[in-house]
Amino acid sequence: MAFENIVVSTDGAVAFIQLNRPKVMNALNGALMTEVGDAMEQFDKDAAIRCMIIHGSDRAFSAGADIDQMKSATPLVMLESNWINRNFDRIRKVSKPVIAAVSGYCLGGGAELAMSCDMMIASETAKFGQPEISIGIIPGAGGTQRLARAIGKSRAMELILTGKFMDAKEAEMRGLVSRVFPAEVYLDEAKKLAQDIASKPPVAVRFAKEAVNKVYELSLTEGLEYESRIFQMLFSTEDQKEGMEAFLAKRKPEWKGK
């Protein structure tokens, strides 16, 4: 895969997608987001890849959407191009786990991109925010919805209505990020997490991700029924048999992804 706005690489079963517009602090535009969607879809189809990490630079995961691209846009232009929602929907539909590794500024569309991922690892320098209110708009790629679900209505409302930032320590305390590490090791720690996930049975991982994400769509009763059906269905897989036999034999399982 050849890209202009991102850099992709792999290390074993882990794929890396690095946002690469350093002159504008990885500001998101249509071209970059299309490439992110393309890369994720390709890695999602690659049986050798079991987990993905998306990251920026130490200075900025992403400072937000590219305002220069949007400053003269009309509602019709935004509706017809639809590059924001179209590509965020592509990311949401990826079946394999995606980890956002965040350092420095993670603002606006950048924060929305990170929140679209399944987990977030942050460096101590990370700063999160939805400052769109300061330029006359609101978050447009899920920021009002995902941030409120992650940290609660009151604090999300405060951040969105004032445009102020939240530091990594508070983001961890409120559950927006899983773990916070020193800047020099945060990406290594994200890789360790990805490798751990990649070592697990891929079919079960895929459906576990799907089940957790249903929390945002279903009632508790519906969610419990959904989980139960997946749990039962997994007893038809070869990995279930292998996992339980390996456990009883006290040996390491060999997953087939079937």
C-alpha atoms as a PDB file:
ATOM      1  CA  MET A   1       0.000   0.000   0.000  1.00  0.00           C
ATOM      2  CA  ALA A   2       1.387   3.393  -1.072  1.00  0.00           C
ATOM      3  CA  PHE A   3       0.072   6.505   0.651  1.00  0.00           C
ATOM      4  CA  GLU A   4       0.866  10.229   0.742  1.00  0.00           C
ATOM      5  CA  ASN A   5      -0.623  11.251   4.096  1.00  0.00           C
ATOM      6  CA  ILE A   6      -0.011   8.201   6.276  1.00  0.00           C
ATOM      7  CA  VAL A   7       2.794   5.694   6.837  1.00  0.00           C
ATOM      8  CA  VAL A   8       1.898   2.043   7.272  1.00  0.00           C
ATOM      9  CA  SER A   9       4.030  -0.826   8.590  1.00  0.00           C
ATOM     10  CA  THR A  10       3.644  -4.190  10.256  1.00  0.00           C
ATOM     11  CA  ASP A  11       5.401  -6.038  13.050  1.00  0.00           C
ATOM     12  CA  GLY A  12       4.251  -9.623  13.199  1.00  0.00           C
ATOM     13  CA  ALA A  13       0.482  -9.649  13.640  1.00  0.00           C
ATOM     14  CA  VAL A  14       0.331  -5.928  14.511  1.00  0.00           C
ATOM     15  CA  ALA A  15      -0.225  -3.220  11.883  1.00  0.00           C
ATOM     16  CA  PHE A  16       0.755   0.425  12.393  1.00  0.00           C
ATOM     17  CA  ILE A  17      -0.921   3.407  10.741  1.00  0.00           C
ATOM     18  CA  GLN A  18       0.869   6.692  11.365  1.00  0.00           C
ATOM     19  CA  LEU A  19      -0.737  10.017  10.507  1.00  0.00           C
ATOM     20  CA  ASN A  20       1.903  11.889   8.530  1.00  0.00           C
ATOM     21  CA  ARG A  21       1.146  15.560   7.927  1.00  0.00           C
ATOM     22  CA  PRO A  22       3.730  17.009  10.327  1.00  0.00           C
ATOM     23  CA  LYS A  23       3.664  20.558   8.939  1.00  0.00           C
ATOM     24  CA  VAL A  24       0.034  20.948  10.032  1.00  0.00           C
ATOM     25  CA  MET A  25       0.223  18.783  13.160  1.00  0.00           C
ATOM     26  CA  ASN A  26      -1.516  15.898  11.395  1.00  0.00           C
ATOM     27  CA  ALA A  27      -4.619  17.921  10.609  1.00  0.00           C
ATOM     28  CA  LEU A  28      -7.293  15.714   9.095  1.00  0.00           C
ATOM     29  CA  ASN A  29      -8.505  16.298   5.556  1.00  0.00           C
ATOM     30  CA  GLY A  30     -10.402  14.211   3.060  1.00  0.00           C
ATOM     31  CA  ALA A  31      -7.289  12.695   1.500  1.00  0.00           C
ATOM     32  CA  LEU A  32      -5.792  11.614   4.830  1.00  0.00           C
ATOM     33  CA  MET A  33      -9.034  10.161   6.158  1.00  0.00           C
ATOM     34  CA  THR A  34      -9.642   8.257   2.927  1.00  0.00           C
ATOM     35  CA  GLU A  35      -6.170   6.750   3.226  1.00  0.00           C
ATOM     36  CA  VAL A  36      -6.802   5.799   6.867  1.00  0.00           C
ATOM     37  CA  GLY A  37     -10.022   4.077   5.836  1.00  0.00           C
ATOM     38  CA  ASP A  38      -8.294   2.312   2.937  1.00  0.00           C
ATOM     39  CA  ALA A  39      -5.439   1.077   5.145  1.00  0.00           C
ATOM     40  CA  MET A  40      -7.730  -0.172   7.893  1.00  0.00           C
ATOM     41  CA  GLU A  41      -9.930  -2.037   5.425  1.00  0.00           C
ATOM     42  CA  GLN A  42      -6.902  -3.684   3.821  1.00  0.00           C
ATOM     43  CA  PHE A  43      -5.476  -4.750   7.185  1.00  0.00           C
ATOM     44  CA  ASP A  44      -8.926  -5.960   8.228  1.00  0.00           C
ATOM     45  CA  LYS A  45      -8.898  -8.343   5.242  1.00  0.00           C
ATOM     46  CA  ASP A  46      -5.332  -9.543   5.908  1.00  0.00           C
ATOM     47  CA  ALA A  47      -5.453 -12.783   7.915  1.00  0.00           C
ATOM     48  CA  ALA A  48      -1.889 -12.207   9.134  1.00  0.00           C
ATOM     49  CA  ILE A  49      -2.922  -9.006  10.944  1.00  0.00           C
ATOM     50  CA  ARG A  50      -4.818  -9.348  14.211  1.00  0.00           C
ATOM     51  CA  CYS A  51      -4.621  -5.880  15.746  1.00  0.00           C
ATOM     52  CA  MET A  52      -3.957  -2.328  14.522  1.00  0.00           C
ATOM     53  CA  ILE A  53      -2.420   0.762  16.095  1.00  0.00           C
ATOM     54  CA  ILE A  54      -3.054   4.270  14.793  1.00  0.00           C
ATOM     55  CA  HIS A  55      -0.792   7.057  16.016  1.00  0.00           C
ATOM     56  CA  GLY A  56       0.646  10.425  15.115  1.00  0.00           C
ATOM     57  CA  SER A  57       3.862  12.060  16.298  1.00  0.00           C
ATOM     58  CA  ASP A  58       5.091  12.710  19.809  1.00  0.00           C
ATOM     59  CA  ARG A  59       3.977  16.329  19.396  1.00  0.00           C
ATOM     60  CA  ALA A  60       0.498  15.654  18.057  1.00  0.00           C
ATOM     61  CA  PHE A  61      -1.774  12.731  17.382  1.00  0.00           C
ATOM     62  CA  SER A  62      -3.846  15.223  15.410  1.00  0.00           C
ATOM     63  CA  ALA A  63      -4.633  18.864  16.122  1.00  0.00           C
ATOM     64  CA  GLY A  64      -8.024  18.496  14.430  1.00  0.00           C
ATOM     65  CA  ALA A  65      -9.627  18.882  11.033  1.00  0.00           C
ATOM     66  CA  ASP A  66      -7.894  20.943   8.364  1.00  0.00           C
ATOM     67  CA  ILE A  67      -9.674  24.287   8.714  1.00  0.00           C
ATOM     68  CA  ASP A  68      -8.135  25.585   5.492  1.00  0.00           C
ATOM     69  CA  GLN A  69     -10.007  22.882   3.594  1.00  0.00           C
ATOM     70  CA  MET A  70     -13.328  23.709   5.257  1.00  0.00           C
ATOM     71  CA  LYS A  71     -13.287  27.501   5.740  1.00  0.00           C
ATOM     72  CA  SER A  72     -15.184  28.313   2.531  1.00  0.00           C
ATOM     73  CA  ALA A  73     -17.383  25.222   2.444  1.00  0.00           C
ATOM     74  CA  THR A  74     -21.137  25.457   2.144  1.00  0.00           C
ATOM     75  CA  PRO A  75     -23.633  23.026   3.689  1.00  0.00           C
ATOM     76  CA  LEU A  76     -24.115  21.487   0.238  1.00  0.00           C
ATOM     77  CA  VAL A  77     -20.362  21.006  -0.226  1.00  0.00           C
ATOM     78  CA  MET A  78     -20.074  19.310   3.162  1.00  0.00           C
ATOM     79  CA  LEU A  79     -23.123  17.146   2.415  1.00  0.00           C
ATOM     80  CA  GLU A  80     -21.956  16.072  -1.041  1.00  0.00           C
ATOM     81  CA  SER A  81     -18.314  15.446  -0.113  1.00  0.00           C
ATOM     82  CA  ASN A  82     -19.251  13.777   3.186  1.00  0.00           C
ATOM     83  CA  TRP A  83     -15.583  12.847   3.698  1.00  0.00           C
ATOM     84  CA  ILE A  84     -15.930  13.069   7.456  1.00  0.00           C
ATOM     85  CA  ASN A  85     -18.829  10.739   8.162  1.00  0.00           C
ATOM     86  CA  ARG A  86     -18.073   8.419   5.252  1.00  0.00           C
ATOM     87  CA  ASN A  87     -14.589   7.622   6.476  1.00  0.00           C
ATOM     88  CA  PHE A  88     -15.478   7.504  10.160  1.00  0.00           C
ATOM     89  CA  ASP A  89     -18.161   4.957   9.278  1.00  0.00           C
ATOM     90  CA  ARG A  90     -15.518   2.862   7.521  1.00  0.00           C
ATOM     91  CA  ILE A  91     -13.388   2.877  10.669  1.00  0.00           C
ATOM     92  CA  ARG A  92     -16.373   1.968  12.836  1.00  0.00           C
ATOM     93  CA  LYS A  93     -17.044  -1.106  10.705  1.00  0.00           C
ATOM     94  CA  VAL A  94     -13.517  -2.563  11.017  1.00  0.00           C
ATOM     95  CA  SER A  95     -13.838  -5.969  12.705  1.00  0.00           C
ATOM     96  CA  LYS A  96     -10.340  -6.226  14.203  1.00  0.00           C
ATOM     97  CA  PRO A  97      -9.309  -4.297  17.334  1.00  0.00           C
ATOM     98  CA  VAL A  98      -7.849  -0.842  16.767  1.00  0.00           C
ATOM     99  CA  ILE A  99      -5.758   0.957  19.395  1.00  0.00           C
ATOM    100  CA  ALA A 100      -5.207   4.724  19.304  1.00  0.00           C
ATOM    101  CA  ALA A 101      -1.781   5.642  20.689  1.00  0.00           C
ATOM    102  CA  VAL A 102      -1.978   9.321  21.580  1.00  0.00           C
ATOM    103  CA  SER A 103       0.766  11.807  22.385  1.00  0.00           C
ATOM    104  CA  GLY A 104       0.549  15.582  22.427  1.00  0.00           C
ATOM    105  CA  TYR A 105      -2.450  17.338  20.958  1.00  0.00           C
ATOM    106  CA  CYS A 106      -5.545  15.244  20.266  1.00  0.00           C
ATOM    107  CA  LEU A 107      -8.171  17.814  19.397  1.00  0.00           C
ATOM    108  CA  GLY A 108     -11.354  18.179  17.426  1.00  0.00           C
ATOM    109  CA  GLY A 109     -11.464  15.644  14.621  1.00  0.00           C
ATOM    110  CA  GLY A 110      -8.287  14.105  16.011  1.00  0.00           C
ATOM    111  CA  ALA A 111     -10.040  13.353  19.299  1.00  0.00           C
ATOM    112  CA  GLU A 112     -13.004  11.994  17.367  1.00  0.00           C
ATOM    113  CA  LEU A 113     -10.685   9.726  15.392  1.00  0.00           C
ATOM    114  CA  ALA A 114      -9.059   8.453  18.594  1.00  0.00           C
ATOM    115  CA  MET A 115     -12.469   7.879  20.202  1.00  0.00           C
ATOM    116  CA  SER A 116     -13.552   5.909  17.127  1.00  0.00           C
ATOM    117  CA  CYS A 117     -10.934   3.321  18.010  1.00  0.00           C
ATOM    118  CA  ASP A 118     -11.536   0.485  20.463  1.00  0.00           C
ATOM    119  CA  MET A 119      -8.930   1.457  23.052  1.00  0.00           C
ATOM    120  CA  MET A 120      -6.710   4.426  23.742  1.00  0.00           C
ATOM    121  CA  ILE A 121      -3.196   4.502  25.192  1.00  0.00           C
ATOM    122  CA  ALA A 122      -1.838   7.970  25.964  1.00  0.00           C
ATOM    123  CA  SER A 123       1.448   9.607  26.783  1.00  0.00           C
ATOM    124  CA  GLU A 124       1.710  11.941  29.751  1.00  0.00           C
ATOM    125  CA  THR A 125       1.828  14.864  27.301  1.00  0.00           C
ATOM    126  CA  ALA A 126      -1.549  14.097  25.711  1.00  0.00           C
ATOM    127  CA  LYS A 127      -4.167  16.851  25.669  1.00  0.00           C
ATOM    128  CA  PHE A 128      -7.736  16.123  24.599  1.00  0.00           C
ATOM    129  CA  GLY A 129     -10.385  18.585  23.537  1.00  0.00           C
ATOM    130  CA  GLN A 130     -13.255  19.484  21.229  1.00  0.00           C
ATOM    131  CA  PRO A 131     -12.536  23.172  20.540  1.00  0.00           C
ATOM    132  CA  GLU A 132     -14.853  23.482  17.525  1.00  0.00           C
ATOM    133  CA  ILE A 133     -17.079  25.946  19.405  1.00  0.00           C
ATOM    134  CA  SER A 134     -14.268  28.507  19.156  1.00  0.00           C
ATOM    135  CA  ILE A 135     -14.522  28.575  15.348  1.00  0.00           C
ATOM    136  CA  GLY A 136     -18.308  28.686  15.173  1.00  0.00           C
ATOM    137  CA  ILE A 137     -19.187  25.019  14.747  1.00  0.00           C
ATOM    138  CA  ILE A 138     -19.624  21.870  16.839  1.00  0.00           C
ATOM    139  CA  PRO A 139     -17.957  18.433  16.660  1.00  0.00           C
ATOM    140  CA  GLY A 140     -19.190  16.719  13.515  1.00  0.00           C
ATOM    141  CA  ALA A 141     -17.721  13.216  13.622  1.00  0.00           C
ATOM    142  CA  GLY A 142     -19.186  11.865  16.840  1.00  0.00           C
ATOM    143  CA  GLY A 143     -17.525  14.106  19.415  1.00  0.00           C
ATOM    144  CA  THR A 144     -20.695  15.152  21.217  1.00  0.00           C
ATOM    145  CA  GLN A 145     -21.893  11.546  21.385  1.00  0.00           C
ATOM    146  CA  ARG A 146     -18.732   9.563  22.131  1.00  0.00           C
ATOM    147  CA  LEU A 147     -17.245  12.021  24.605  1.00  0.00           C
ATOM    148  CA  ALA A 148     -20.455  12.188  26.651  1.00  0.00           C
ATOM    149  CA  ARG A 149     -20.663   8.387  26.702  1.00  0.00           C
ATOM    150  CA  ALA A 150     -17.024   8.124  27.755  1.00  0.00           C
ATOM    151  CA  ILE A 151     -16.755  10.761  30.484  1.00  0.00           C
ATOM    152  CA  GLY A 152     -20.334  11.713  31.351  1.00  0.00           C
ATOM    153  CA  LYS A 153     -22.662  14.502  30.281  1.00  0.00           C
ATOM    154  CA  SER A 154     -21.566  17.286  32.615  1.00  0.00           C
ATOM    155  CA  ARG A 155     -17.826  17.216  31.926  1.00  0.00           C
ATOM    156  CA  ALA A 156     -18.352  16.576  28.211  1.00  0.00           C
ATOM    157  CA  MET A 157     -20.743  19.525  28.051  1.00  0.00           C
ATOM    158  CA  GLU A 158     -18.192  21.744  29.785  1.00  0.00           C
ATOM    159  CA  LEU A 159     -15.385  20.775  27.409  1.00  0.00           C
ATOM    160  CA  ILE A 160     -17.520  21.098  24.278  1.00  0.00           C
ATOM    161  CA  LEU A 161     -19.118  24.432  25.240  1.00  0.00           C
ATOM    162  CA  THR A 162     -15.855  26.054  26.355  1.00  0.00           C
ATOM    163  CA  GLY A 163     -13.344  24.436  23.994  1.00  0.00           C
ATOM    164  CA  LYS A 164     -10.967  23.793  26.906  1.00  0.00           C
ATOM    165  CA  PHE A 165      -8.566  20.858  27.025  1.00  0.00           C
ATOM    166  CA  MET A 166      -8.354  17.822  29.306  1.00  0.00           C
ATOM    167  CA  ASP A 167      -4.966  16.392  30.255  1.00  0.00           C
ATOM    168  CA  ALA A 168      -3.933  12.745  30.126  1.00  0.00           C
ATOM    169  CA  LYS A 169      -4.263  12.198  33.871  1.00  0.00           C
ATOM    170  CA  GLU A 170      -7.901  13.274  33.899  1.00  0.00           C
ATOM    171  CA  ALA A 171      -8.612  11.357  30.686  1.00  0.00           C
ATOM    172  CA  GLU A 172      -7.384   8.186  32.383  1.00  0.00           C
ATOM    173  CA  MET A 173      -9.306   8.912  35.581  1.00  0.00           C
ATOM    174  CA  ARG A 174     -12.534   9.403  33.629  1.00  0.00           C
ATOM    175  CA  GLY A 175     -12.048   6.305  31.496  1.00  0.00           C
ATOM    176  CA  LEU A 176     -11.422   7.993  28.151  1.00  0.00           C
ATOM    177  CA  VAL A 177      -8.025   6.271  27.924  1.00  0.00           C
ATOM    178  CA  SER A 178      -6.972   2.861  29.232  1.00  0.00           C
ATOM    179  CA  ARG A 179      -3.475   3.703  30.447  1.00  0.00           C
ATOM    180  CA  VAL A 180      -1.049   6.647  30.532  1.00  0.00           C
ATOM    181  CA  PHE A 181       2.714   6.228  30.091  1.00  0.00           C
ATOM    182  CA  PRO A 182       5.784   8.462  29.769  1.00  0.00           C
ATOM    183  CA  ALA A 183       6.107   9.931  26.282  1.00  0.00           C
ATOM    184  CA  GLU A 184       9.213   7.915  25.486  1.00  0.00           C
ATOM    185  CA  VAL A 185       7.447   4.555  25.944  1.00  0.00           C
ATOM    186  CA  TYR A 186       3.741   5.103  25.201  1.00  0.00           C
ATOM    187  CA  LEU A 187       3.994   3.660  21.675  1.00  0.00           C
ATOM    188  CA  ASP A 188       5.954   0.650  22.919  1.00  0.00           C
ATOM    189  CA  GLU A 189       3.255   0.044  25.529  1.00  0.00           C
ATOM    190  CA  ALA A 190       0.552   0.274  22.875  1.00  0.00           C
ATOM    191  CA  LYS A 191       2.484  -2.300  20.866  1.00  0.00           C
ATOM    192  CA  LYS A 192       2.664  -4.629  23.882  1.00  0.00           C
ATOM    193  CA  LEU A 193      -1.099  -4.362  24.292  1.00  0.00           C
ATOM    194  CA  ALA A 194      -1.635  -5.050  20.589  1.00  0.00           C
ATOM    195  CA  GLN A 195       0.663  -8.078  20.705  1.00  0.00           C
ATOM    196  CA  ASP A 196      -1.218  -9.428  23.715  1.00  0.00           C
ATOM    197  CA  ILE A 197      -4.529  -9.077  21.880  1.00  0.00           C
ATOM    198  CA  ALA A 198      -3.020 -10.570  18.713  1.00  0.00           C
ATOM    199  CA  SER A 199      -2.011 -13.666  20.679  1.00  0.00           C
ATOM    200  CA  LYS A 200      -5.647 -14.444  21.511  1.00  0.00           C
ATOM    201  CA  PRO A 201      -8.069 -16.489  19.332  1.00  0.00           C
ATOM    202  CA  PRO A 202      -9.059 -14.151  16.477  1.00  0.00           C
ATOM    203  CA  VAL A 203     -12.663 -15.265  16.082  1.00  0.00           C
ATOM    204  CA  ALA A 204     -13.393 -14.768  19.773  1.00  0.00           C
ATOM    205  CA  VAL A 205     -11.588 -11.405  19.737  1.00  0.00           C
ATOM    206  CA  ARG A 206     -13.677 -10.210  16.819  1.00  0.00           C
ATOM    207  CA  PHE A 207     -16.965 -11.147  18.467  1.00  0.00           C
ATOM    208  CA  ALA A 208     -15.907  -9.850  21.875  1.00  0.00           C
ATOM    209  CA  LYS A 209     -15.242  -6.454  20.275  1.00  0.00           C
ATOM    210  CA  GLU A 210     -18.612  -6.585  18.565  1.00  0.00           C
ATOM    211  CA  ALA A 211     -20.406  -7.481  21.786  1.00  0.00           C
ATOM    212  CA  VAL A 212     -18.811  -4.655  23.781  1.00  0.00           C
ATOM    213  CA  ASN A 213     -19.685  -2.142  21.047  1.00  0.00           C
ATOM    214  CA  LYS A 214     -23.330  -3.212  21.222  1.00  0.00           C
ATOM    215  CA  VAL A 215     -23.479  -1.526  24.648  1.00  0.00           C
ATOM    216  CA  TYR A 216     -23.996   1.753  22.764  1.00  0.00           C
ATOM    217  CA  GLU A 217     -26.861   0.407  20.656  1.00  0.00           C
ATOM    218  CA  LEU A 218     -28.887  -2.056  22.750  1.00  0.00           C
ATOM    219  CA  SER A 219     -30.784  -2.122  26.020  1.00  0.00           C
ATOM    220  CA  LEU A 220     -29.330  -4.275  28.809  1.00  0.00           C
ATOM    221  CA  THR A 221     -31.805  -7.076  28.095  1.00  0.00           C
ATOM    222  CA  GLU A 222     -31.036  -7.007  24.372  1.00  0.00           C
ATOM    223  CA  GLY A 223     -27.312  -6.840  25.053  1.00  0.00           C
ATOM    224  CA  LEU A 224     -27.395  -9.831  27.377  1.00  0.00           C
ATOM    225  CA  GLU A 225     -29.293 -11.842  24.775  1.00  0.00           C
ATOM    226  CA  TYR A 226     -26.802 -10.816  22.087  1.00  0.00           C
ATOM    227  CA  GLU A 227     -23.848 -11.801  24.274  1.00  0.00           C
ATOM    228  CA  SER A 228     -25.441 -15.146  25.098  1.00  0.00           C
ATOM    229  CA  ARG A 229     -25.941 -15.998  21.417  1.00  0.00           C
ATOM    230  CA  ILE A 230     -22.310 -15.208  20.585  1.00  0.00           C
ATOM    231  CA  PHE A 231     -21.100 -17.175  23.602  1.00  0.00           C
ATOM    232  CA  GLN A 232     -23.065 -20.224  22.461  1.00  0.00           C
ATOM    233  CA  MET A 233     -22.031 -19.828  18.819  1.00  0.00           C
ATOM    234  CA  LEU A 234     -18.336 -19.837  19.717  1.00  0.00           C
ATOM    235  CA  PHE A 235     -18.685 -23.443  20.853  1.00  0.00           C
ATOM    236  CA  SER A 236     -18.842 -24.320  17.151  1.00  0.00           C
ATOM    237  CA  THR A 237     -15.285 -23.067  16.542  1.00  0.00           C
ATOM    238  CA  GLU A 238     -12.086 -25.074  16.402  1.00  0.00           C
ATOM    239  CA  ASP A 239     -10.421 -22.459  18.588  1.00  0.00           C
ATOM    240  CA  GLN A 240     -12.872 -23.141  21.417  1.00  0.00           C
ATOM    241  CA  LYS A 241     -11.987 -26.827  21.364  1.00  0.00           C
ATOM    242  CA  GLU A 242      -8.285 -26.074  21.134  1.00  0.00           C
ATOM    243  CA  GLY A 243      -8.399 -23.471  23.899  1.00  0.00           C
ATOM    244  CA  MET A 244     -10.158 -25.718  26.392  1.00  0.00           C
ATOM    245  CA  GLU A 245      -8.077 -28.781  25.540  1.00  0.00           C
ATOM    246  CA  ALA A 246      -4.865 -26.752  25.884  1.00  0.00           C
ATOM    247  CA  PHE A 247      -6.028 -25.376  29.226  1.00  0.00           C
ATOM    248  CA  LEU A 248      -6.712 -28.850  30.596  1.00  0.00           C
ATOM    249  CA  ALA A 249      -3.440 -30.186  29.184  1.00  0.00           C
ATOM    250  CA  LYS A 250      -1.568 -27.173  30.610  1.00  0.00           C
ATOM    251  CA  ARG A 251      -0.012 -26.292  27.264  1.00  0.00           C
ATOM    252  CA  LYS A 252      -0.022 -23.216  25.034  1.00  0.00           C
ATOM    253  CA  PRO A 253      -2.940 -23.189  22.563  1.00  0.00           C
ATOM    254  CA  GLU A 254      -2.395 -22.982  18.813  1.00  0.00           C
ATOM    255  CA  TRP A 255      -5.093 -20.799  17.337  1.00  0.00           C
ATOM    256  CA  LYS A 256      -6.388 -21.440  13.815  1.00  0.00           C
ATOM    257  CA  GLY A 257      -8.849 -18.606  13.572  1.00  0.00           C
ATOM    258  CA  LYS A 258     -11.636 -21.070  12.772  1.00  0.00           C
END
